[in-house]
PDB file of all heavy atoms in Angstrom:
ATOM      1  N   ARG A   1     -76.401  79.184 -61.765  1.00  0.00           N
ATOM      2  CA  ARG A   1     -75.801  80.431 -61.613  1.00  0.00           C
ATOM      3  C   ARG A   1     -76.024  81.231 -62.881  1.00  0.00           C
ATOM      4  O   ARG A   1     -76.156  82.470 -62.852  1.00  0.00           O
ATOM      5  CB  ARG A   1     -74.365  80.212 -61.287  1.00  0.00           C
ATOM      6  CG  ARG A   1     -74.024  79.760 -59.925  1.00  0.00           C
ATOM      7  CD  ARG A   1     -72.521  79.354 -59.837  1.00  0.00           C
ATOM      8  NE  ARG A   1     -72.295  78.814 -58.484  1.00  0.00           N
ATOM      9  CZ  ARG A   1     -71.691  79.458 -57.525  1.00  0.00           C
ATOM     10  NH1 ARG A   1     -71.417  80.705 -57.711  1.00  0.00           N
ATOM     11  NH2 ARG A   1     -71.488  78.893 -56.273  1.00  0.00           N
ATOM     12  N   ASN A   2     -75.989  80.526 -64.059  1.00  0.00           N
ATOM     13  CA  ASN A   2     -76.139  81.323 -65.296  1.00  0.00           C
ATOM     14  C   ASN A   2     -77.396  80.585 -66.097  1.00  0.00           C
ATOM     15  O   ASN A   2     -77.166  79.584 -66.748  1.00  0.00           O
ATOM     16  CB  ASN A   2     -74.885  81.242 -66.065  1.00  0.00           C
ATOM     17  CG  ASN A   2     -75.075  82.096 -67.385  1.00  0.00           C
ATOM     18  OD1 ASN A   2     -76.146  82.552 -67.743  1.00  0.00           O
ATOM     19  ND2 ASN A   2     -73.962  82.280 -68.112  1.00  0.00           N
ATOM     20  N   ARG A   3     -78.523  80.958 -65.742  1.00  0.00           N
ATOM     21  CA  ARG A   3     -79.753  80.338 -66.280  1.00  0.00           C
ATOM     22  C   ARG A   3     -79.812  80.310 -67.857  1.00  0.00           C
ATOM     23  O   ARG A   3     -80.477  79.493 -68.348  1.00  0.00           O
ATOM     24  CB  ARG A   3     -80.953  81.053 -65.762  1.00  0.00           C
ATOM     25  CG  ARG A   3     -81.002  81.219 -64.288  1.00  0.00           C
ATOM     26  CD  ARG A   3     -81.101  79.825 -63.457  1.00  0.00           C
ATOM     27  NE  ARG A   3     -81.155  80.115 -62.074  1.00  0.00           N
ATOM     28  CZ  ARG A   3     -82.431  80.247 -61.430  1.00  0.00           C
ATOM     29  NH1 ARG A   3     -83.542  80.161 -62.155  1.00  0.00           N
ATOM     30  NH2 ARG A   3     -82.320  80.405 -60.112  1.00  0.00           N
ATOM     31  N   SER A   4     -79.168  81.216 -68.534  1.00  0.00           N
ATOM     32  CA  SER A   4     -79.185  81.297 -69.932  1.00  0.00           C
ATOM     33  C   SER A   4     -78.056  80.539 -70.631  1.00  0.00           C
ATOM     34  O   SER A   4     -78.123  80.417 -71.876  1.00  0.00           O
ATOM     35  CB  SER A   4     -79.010  82.828 -70.387  1.00  0.00           C
ATOM     36  OG  SER A   4     -77.713  83.323 -70.098  1.00  0.00           O
ATOM     37  N   ALA A   5     -77.199  79.757 -69.878  1.00  0.00           N
ATOM     38  CA  ALA A   5     -76.151  79.004 -70.452  1.00  0.00           C
ATOM     39  C   ALA A   5     -76.565  77.667 -70.724  1.00  0.00           C
ATOM     40  O   ALA A   5     -76.080  76.652 -70.321  1.00  0.00           O
ATOM     41  CB  ALA A   5     -74.955  78.915 -69.427  1.00  0.00           C
ATOM     42  N   VAL A   6     -77.596  77.585 -71.632  1.00  0.00           N
ATOM     43  CA  VAL A   6     -78.213  76.265 -72.143  1.00  0.00           C
ATOM     44  C   VAL A   6     -78.416  76.342 -73.542  1.00  0.00           C
ATOM     45  O   VAL A   6     -78.647  77.405 -74.216  1.00  0.00           O
ATOM     46  CB  VAL A   6     -79.436  75.977 -71.395  1.00  0.00           C
ATOM     47  CG1 VAL A   6     -79.155  75.796 -69.930  1.00  0.00           C
ATOM     48  CG2 VAL A   6     -80.535  77.040 -71.487  1.00  0.00           C
ATOM     49  N   VAL A   7     -78.455  75.157 -74.213  1.00  0.00           N
ATOM     50  CA  VAL A   7     -79.034  74.974 -75.531  1.00  0.00           C
ATOM     51  C   VAL A   7     -80.213  74.003 -75.401  1.00  0.00           C
ATOM     52  O   VAL A   7     -80.014  72.859 -74.979  1.00  0.00           O
ATOM     53  CB  VAL A   7     -77.911  74.469 -76.504  1.00  0.00           C
ATOM     54  CG1 VAL A   7     -78.533  73.964 -77.778  1.00  0.00           C
ATOM     55  CG2 VAL A   7     -76.877  75.480 -76.731  1.00  0.00           C
ATOM     56  N   ALA A   8     -81.418  74.380 -75.843  1.00  0.00           N
ATOM     57  CA  ALA A   8     -82.523  73.570 -75.844  1.00  0.00           C
ATOM     58  C   ALA A   8     -83.424  73.939 -76.920  1.00  0.00           C
ATOM     59  O   ALA A   8     -83.649  75.112 -77.168  1.00  0.00           O
ATOM     60  CB  ALA A   8     -83.192  73.607 -74.399  1.00  0.00           C
ATOM     61  N   PRO A   9     -84.088  72.864 -77.599  1.00  0.00           N
ATOM     62  CA  PRO A   9     -83.861  71.419 -77.513  1.00  0.00           C
ATOM     63  C   PRO A   9     -82.642  71.176 -78.357  1.00  0.00           C
ATOM     64  O   PRO A   9     -82.543  71.434 -79.568  1.00  0.00           O
ATOM     65  CB  PRO A   9     -85.106  70.917 -78.051  1.00  0.00           C
ATOM     66  CG  PRO A   9     -85.693  71.807 -79.038  1.00  0.00           C
ATOM     67  CD  PRO A   9     -85.240  73.281 -78.494  1.00  0.00           C
ATOM     68  N   MET A  10     -81.761  70.402 -77.715  1.00  0.00           N
ATOM     69  CA  MET A  10     -80.477  70.170 -78.268  1.00  0.00           C
ATOM     70  C   MET A  10     -80.460  69.342 -79.557  1.00  0.00           C
ATOM     71  O   MET A  10     -79.541  69.446 -80.348  1.00  0.00           O
ATOM     72  CB  MET A  10     -79.470  69.435 -77.235  1.00  0.00           C
ATOM     73  CG  MET A  10     -80.028  68.161 -76.750  1.00  0.00           C
ATOM     74  SD  MET A  10     -78.950  67.432 -75.435  1.00  0.00           S
ATOM     75  CE  MET A  10     -79.846  65.930 -75.004  1.00  0.00           C
ATOM     76  N   HIS A  11     -81.417  68.460 -79.702  1.00  0.00           N
ATOM     77  CA  HIS A  11     -81.449  67.586 -80.897  1.00  0.00           C
ATOM     78  C   HIS A  11     -82.107  68.387 -82.148  1.00  0.00           C
ATOM     79  O   HIS A  11     -82.119  67.824 -83.155  1.00  0.00           O
ATOM     80  CB  HIS A  11     -82.278  66.369 -80.664  1.00  0.00           C
ATOM     81  CG  HIS A  11     -81.668  65.464 -79.691  1.00  0.00           C
ATOM     82  ND1 HIS A  11     -80.357  64.980 -79.828  1.00  0.00           N
ATOM     83  CD2 HIS A  11     -81.947  65.063 -78.400  1.00  0.00           C
ATOM     84  CE1 HIS A  11     -80.057  64.268 -78.723  1.00  0.00           C
ATOM     85  NE2 HIS A  11     -81.050  64.296 -77.857  1.00  0.00           N
ATOM     86  N   GLU A  12     -82.616  69.548 -81.868  1.00  0.00           N
ATOM     87  CA  GLU A  12     -83.310  70.333 -82.992  1.00  0.00           C
ATOM     88  C   GLU A  12     -82.459  71.526 -83.450  1.00  0.00           C
ATOM     89  O   GLU A  12     -83.061  72.257 -84.275  1.00  0.00           O
ATOM     90  CB  GLU A  12     -84.721  70.714 -82.509  1.00  0.00           C
ATOM     91  CG  GLU A  12     -85.491  69.534 -82.155  1.00  0.00           C
ATOM     92  CD  GLU A  12     -86.960  69.921 -81.630  1.00  0.00           C
ATOM     93  OE1 GLU A  12     -87.396  71.019 -82.010  1.00  0.00           O
ATOM     94  OE2 GLU A  12     -87.620  69.254 -80.961  1.00  0.00           O
ATOM     95  N   VAL A  13     -81.340  71.683 -82.908  1.00  0.00           N
ATOM     96  CA  VAL A  13     -80.600  72.888 -83.335  1.00  0.00           C
ATOM     97  C   VAL A  13     -79.222  72.379 -84.062  1.00  0.00           C
ATOM     98  O   VAL A  13     -78.833  71.192 -83.950  1.00  0.00           O
ATOM     99  CB  VAL A  13     -80.135  73.794 -82.154  1.00  0.00           C
ATOM    100  CG1 VAL A  13     -81.427  74.373 -81.462  1.00  0.00           C
ATOM    101  CG2 VAL A  13     -79.289  73.071 -81.140  1.00  0.00           C
ATOM    102  N   SER A  14     -78.643  73.144 -84.832  1.00  0.00           N
ATOM    103  CA  SER A  14     -77.501  72.811 -85.527  1.00  0.00           C
ATOM    104  C   SER A  14     -76.241  72.839 -84.741  1.00  0.00           C
ATOM    105  O   SER A  14     -76.219  73.520 -83.711  1.00  0.00           O
ATOM    106  CB  SER A  14     -77.313  73.793 -86.733  1.00  0.00           C
ATOM    107  OG  SER A  14     -76.931  74.985 -86.436  1.00  0.00           O
ATOM    108  N   ASP A  15     -75.240  72.183 -85.263  1.00  0.00           N
ATOM    109  CA  ASP A  15     -73.907  72.210 -84.502  1.00  0.00           C
ATOM    110  C   ASP A  15     -73.386  73.664 -84.576  1.00  0.00           C
ATOM    111  O   ASP A  15     -72.787  73.934 -83.548  1.00  0.00           O
ATOM    112  CB  ASP A  15     -72.967  71.180 -85.200  1.00  0.00           C
ATOM    113  CG  ASP A  15     -73.258  69.785 -85.043  1.00  0.00           C
ATOM    114  OD1 ASP A  15     -74.238  69.490 -84.350  1.00  0.00           O
ATOM    115  OD2 ASP A  15     -72.608  68.874 -85.649  1.00  0.00           O
ATOM    116  N   ARG A  16     -73.634  74.344 -85.498  1.00  0.00           N
ATOM    117  CA  ARG A  16     -73.174  75.626 -85.793  1.00  0.00           C
ATOM    118  C   ARG A  16     -73.831  76.554 -84.666  1.00  0.00           C
ATOM    119  O   ARG A  16     -73.056  77.416 -83.993  1.00  0.00           O
ATOM    120  CB  ARG A  16     -73.479  76.175 -87.061  1.00  0.00           C
ATOM    121  CG  ARG A  16     -72.911  77.677 -87.324  1.00  0.00           C
ATOM    122  CD  ARG A  16     -71.421  77.696 -87.364  1.00  0.00           C
ATOM    123  NE  ARG A  16     -70.840  79.032 -87.165  1.00  0.00           N
ATOM    124  CZ  ARG A  16     -69.527  79.326 -87.206  1.00  0.00           C
ATOM    125  NH1 ARG A  16     -68.725  78.304 -87.327  1.00  0.00           N
ATOM    126  NH2 ARG A  16     -69.159  80.578 -87.055  1.00  0.00           N
ATOM    127  N   THR A  17     -75.039  76.355 -84.348  1.00  0.00           N
ATOM    128  CA  THR A  17     -75.738  77.112 -83.380  1.00  0.00           C
ATOM    129  C   THR A  17     -75.096  76.840 -81.941  1.00  0.00           C
ATOM    130  O   THR A  17     -74.897  77.763 -81.114  1.00  0.00           O
ATOM    131  CB  THR A  17     -77.272  76.751 -83.336  1.00  0.00           C
ATOM    132  OG1 THR A  17     -77.801  77.059 -84.577  1.00  0.00           O
ATOM    133  CG2 THR A  17     -77.876  77.433 -82.148  1.00  0.00           C
ATOM    134  N   VAL A  18     -74.875  75.634 -81.657  1.00  0.00           N
ATOM    135  CA  VAL A  18     -74.208  75.233 -80.383  1.00  0.00           C
ATOM    136  C   VAL A  18     -72.794  75.911 -80.197  1.00  0.00           C
ATOM    137  O   VAL A  18     -72.424  76.398 -79.310  1.00  0.00           O
ATOM    138  CB  VAL A  18     -74.124  73.755 -80.163  1.00  0.00           C
ATOM    139  CG1 VAL A  18     -73.481  73.406 -78.790  1.00  0.00           C
ATOM    140  CG2 VAL A  18     -75.565  73.189 -80.309  1.00  0.00           C
ATOM    141  N   LEU A  19     -72.078  75.791 -81.383  1.00  0.00           N
ATOM    142  CA  LEU A  19     -70.750  76.413 -81.384  1.00  0.00           C
ATOM    143  C   LEU A  19     -70.823  77.834 -81.121  1.00  0.00           C
ATOM    144  O   LEU A  19     -70.094  78.387 -80.289  1.00  0.00           O
ATOM    145  CB  LEU A  19     -70.023  76.100 -82.773  1.00  0.00           C
ATOM    146  CG  LEU A  19     -68.679  76.853 -82.981  1.00  0.00           C
ATOM    147  CD1 LEU A  19     -67.665  76.349 -81.938  1.00  0.00           C
ATOM    148  CD2 LEU A  19     -68.312  76.567 -84.367  1.00  0.00           C
ATOM    149  N   GLU A  20     -71.720  78.582 -81.783  1.00  0.00           N
ATOM    150  CA  GLU A  20     -71.870  80.006 -81.531  1.00  0.00           C
ATOM    151  C   GLU A  20     -72.243  80.346 -80.139  1.00  0.00           C
ATOM    152  O   GLU A  20     -71.799  81.378 -79.620  1.00  0.00           O
ATOM    153  CB  GLU A  20     -72.900  80.583 -82.543  1.00  0.00           C
ATOM    154  CG  GLU A  20     -72.379  80.588 -83.999  1.00  0.00           C
ATOM    155  CD  GLU A  20     -73.462  81.003 -84.997  1.00  0.00           C
ATOM    156  OE1 GLU A  20     -74.723  81.038 -84.609  1.00  0.00           O
ATOM    157  OE2 GLU A  20     -73.104  81.146 -86.235  1.00  0.00           O
ATOM    158  N   ARG A  21     -73.138  79.583 -79.553  1.00  0.00           N
ATOM    159  CA  ARG A  21     -73.444  79.700 -78.203  1.00  0.00           C
ATOM    160  C   ARG A  21     -72.247  79.529 -77.250  1.00  0.00           C
ATOM    161  O   ARG A  21     -72.207  80.411 -76.265  1.00  0.00           O
ATOM    162  CB  ARG A  21     -74.651  78.718 -77.711  1.00  0.00           C
ATOM    163  CG  ARG A  21     -75.172  79.057 -76.397  1.00  0.00           C
ATOM    164  CD  ARG A  21     -75.960  80.281 -76.380  1.00  0.00           C
ATOM    165  NE  ARG A  21     -76.403  80.623 -74.992  1.00  0.00           N
ATOM    166  CZ  ARG A  21     -75.976  81.659 -74.340  1.00  0.00           C
ATOM    167  NH1 ARG A  21     -74.932  82.360 -74.808  1.00  0.00           N
ATOM    168  NH2 ARG A  21     -76.351  81.936 -73.067  1.00  0.00           N
ATOM    169  N   ALA A  22     -71.523  78.613 -77.442  1.00  0.00           N
ATOM    170  CA  ALA A  22     -70.317  78.389 -76.680  1.00  0.00           C
ATOM    171  C   ALA A  22     -69.326  79.536 -76.872  1.00  0.00           C
ATOM    172  O   ALA A  22     -68.806  80.032 -75.858  1.00  0.00           O
ATOM    173  CB  ALA A  22     -69.679  77.038 -77.081  1.00  0.00           C
ATOM    174  N   ILE A  23     -69.105  79.979 -77.968  1.00  0.00           N
ATOM    175  CA  ILE A  23     -68.166  81.187 -78.333  1.00  0.00           C
ATOM    176  C   ILE A  23     -68.676  82.381 -77.606  1.00  0.00           C
ATOM    177  O   ILE A  23     -68.007  83.235 -77.035  1.00  0.00           O
ATOM    178  CB  ILE A  23     -67.917  81.327 -79.749  1.00  0.00           C
ATOM    179  CG1 ILE A  23     -67.088  80.110 -80.334  1.00  0.00           C
ATOM    180  CG2 ILE A  23     -67.229  82.608 -80.046  1.00  0.00           C
ATOM    181  CD1 ILE A  23     -66.932  80.124 -81.759  1.00  0.00           C
ATOM    182  N   ASP A  24     -70.019  82.599 -77.765  1.00  0.00           N
ATOM    183  CA  ASP A  24     -70.633  83.756 -77.068  1.00  0.00           C
ATOM    184  C   ASP A  24     -70.461  83.718 -75.538  1.00  0.00           C
ATOM    185  O   ASP A  24     -70.093  84.789 -75.028  1.00  0.00           O
ATOM    186  CB  ASP A  24     -72.218  83.771 -77.436  1.00  0.00           C
ATOM    187  CG  ASP A  24     -72.967  84.895 -76.714  1.00  0.00           C
ATOM    188  OD1 ASP A  24     -72.511  86.038 -77.081  1.00  0.00           O
ATOM    189  OD2 ASP A  24     -73.746  84.607 -75.892  1.00  0.00           O
ATOM    190  N   LEU A  25     -70.622  82.582 -74.870  1.00  0.00           N
ATOM    191  CA  LEU A  25     -70.378  82.525 -73.510  1.00  0.00           C
ATOM    192  C   LEU A  25     -68.903  82.739 -73.199  1.00  0.00           C
ATOM    193  O   LEU A  25     -68.595  83.469 -72.151  1.00  0.00           O
ATOM    194  CB  LEU A  25     -70.782  81.128 -72.976  1.00  0.00           C
ATOM    195  CG  LEU A  25     -72.250  80.782 -72.926  1.00  0.00           C
ATOM    196  CD1 LEU A  25     -72.515  79.216 -72.615  1.00  0.00           C
ATOM    197  CD2 LEU A  25     -72.955  81.557 -71.860  1.00  0.00           C
ATOM    198  N   LEU A  26     -68.004  82.198 -73.891  1.00  0.00           N
ATOM    199  CA  LEU A  26     -66.642  82.487 -73.695  1.00  0.00           C
ATOM    200  C   LEU A  26     -66.242  83.960 -73.897  1.00  0.00           C
ATOM    201  O   LEU A  26     -65.513  84.480 -73.099  1.00  0.00           O
ATOM    202  CB  LEU A  26     -65.802  81.671 -74.646  1.00  0.00           C
ATOM    203  CG  LEU A  26     -65.744  80.211 -74.426  1.00  0.00           C
ATOM    204  CD1 LEU A  26     -65.147  79.448 -75.675  1.00  0.00           C
ATOM    205  CD2 LEU A  26     -64.900  79.771 -73.140  1.00  0.00           C
ATOM    206  N   GLY A  27     -66.899  84.593 -74.886  1.00  0.00           N
ATOM    207  CA  GLY A  27     -66.661  86.055 -75.099  1.00  0.00           C
ATOM    208  C   GLY A  27     -67.153  86.890 -73.912  1.00  0.00           C
ATOM    209  O   GLY A  27     -66.614  87.865 -73.614  1.00  0.00           O
ATOM    210  N   GLN A  28     -68.338  86.353 -73.208  1.00  0.00           N
ATOM    211  CA  GLN A  28     -68.660  87.137 -72.046  1.00  0.00           C
ATOM    212  C   GLN A  28     -67.790  87.028 -71.005  1.00  0.00           C
ATOM    213  O   GLN A  28     -67.683  87.961 -70.080  1.00  0.00           O
ATOM    214  CB  GLN A  28     -70.074  86.556 -71.688  1.00  0.00           C
ATOM    215  CG  GLN A  28     -71.209  86.808 -72.720  1.00  0.00           C
ATOM    216  CD  GLN A  28     -72.518  86.095 -72.296  1.00  0.00           C
ATOM    217  OE1 GLN A  28     -72.683  85.840 -71.110  1.00  0.00           O
ATOM    218  NE2 GLN A  28     -73.370  85.797 -73.224  1.00  0.00           N
ATOM    219  N   LYS A  29     -67.137  85.928 -70.807  1.00  0.00           N
ATOM    220  CA  LYS A  29     -66.156  85.768 -69.777  1.00  0.00           C
ATOM    221  C   LYS A  29     -64.700  86.361 -69.920  1.00  0.00           C
ATOM    222  O   LYS A  29     -64.082  86.850 -69.111  1.00  0.00           O
ATOM    223  CB  LYS A  29     -65.949  84.161 -69.457  1.00  0.00           C
ATOM    224  CG  LYS A  29     -64.966  84.002 -68.285  1.00  0.00           C
ATOM    225  CD  LYS A  29     -64.822  82.429 -68.059  1.00  0.00           C
ATOM    226  CE  LYS A  29     -63.857  82.132 -66.964  1.00  0.00           C
ATOM    227  NZ  LYS A  29     -63.719  80.706 -66.814  1.00  0.00           N
ATOM    228  N   CYS A  30     -64.306  86.340 -71.306  1.00  0.00           N
ATOM    229  CA  CYS A  30     -62.987  86.600 -71.597  1.00  0.00           C
ATOM    230  C   CYS A  30     -62.891  87.940 -72.378  1.00  0.00           C
ATOM    231  O   CYS A  30     -63.562  88.106 -73.475  1.00  0.00           O
ATOM    232  CB  CYS A  30     -62.221  85.470 -72.416  1.00  0.00           C
ATOM    233  SG  CYS A  30     -62.197  83.884 -71.627  1.00  0.00           S
TER     234      CYS A  30
END
């Protein structure tokens, strides 16, 4: 349903990058 809601490659990005992606997705919804 949301093709962009991914982090890849997950082992090559920082924890901060994943956190920012999650917050960005939450901001799109809320």
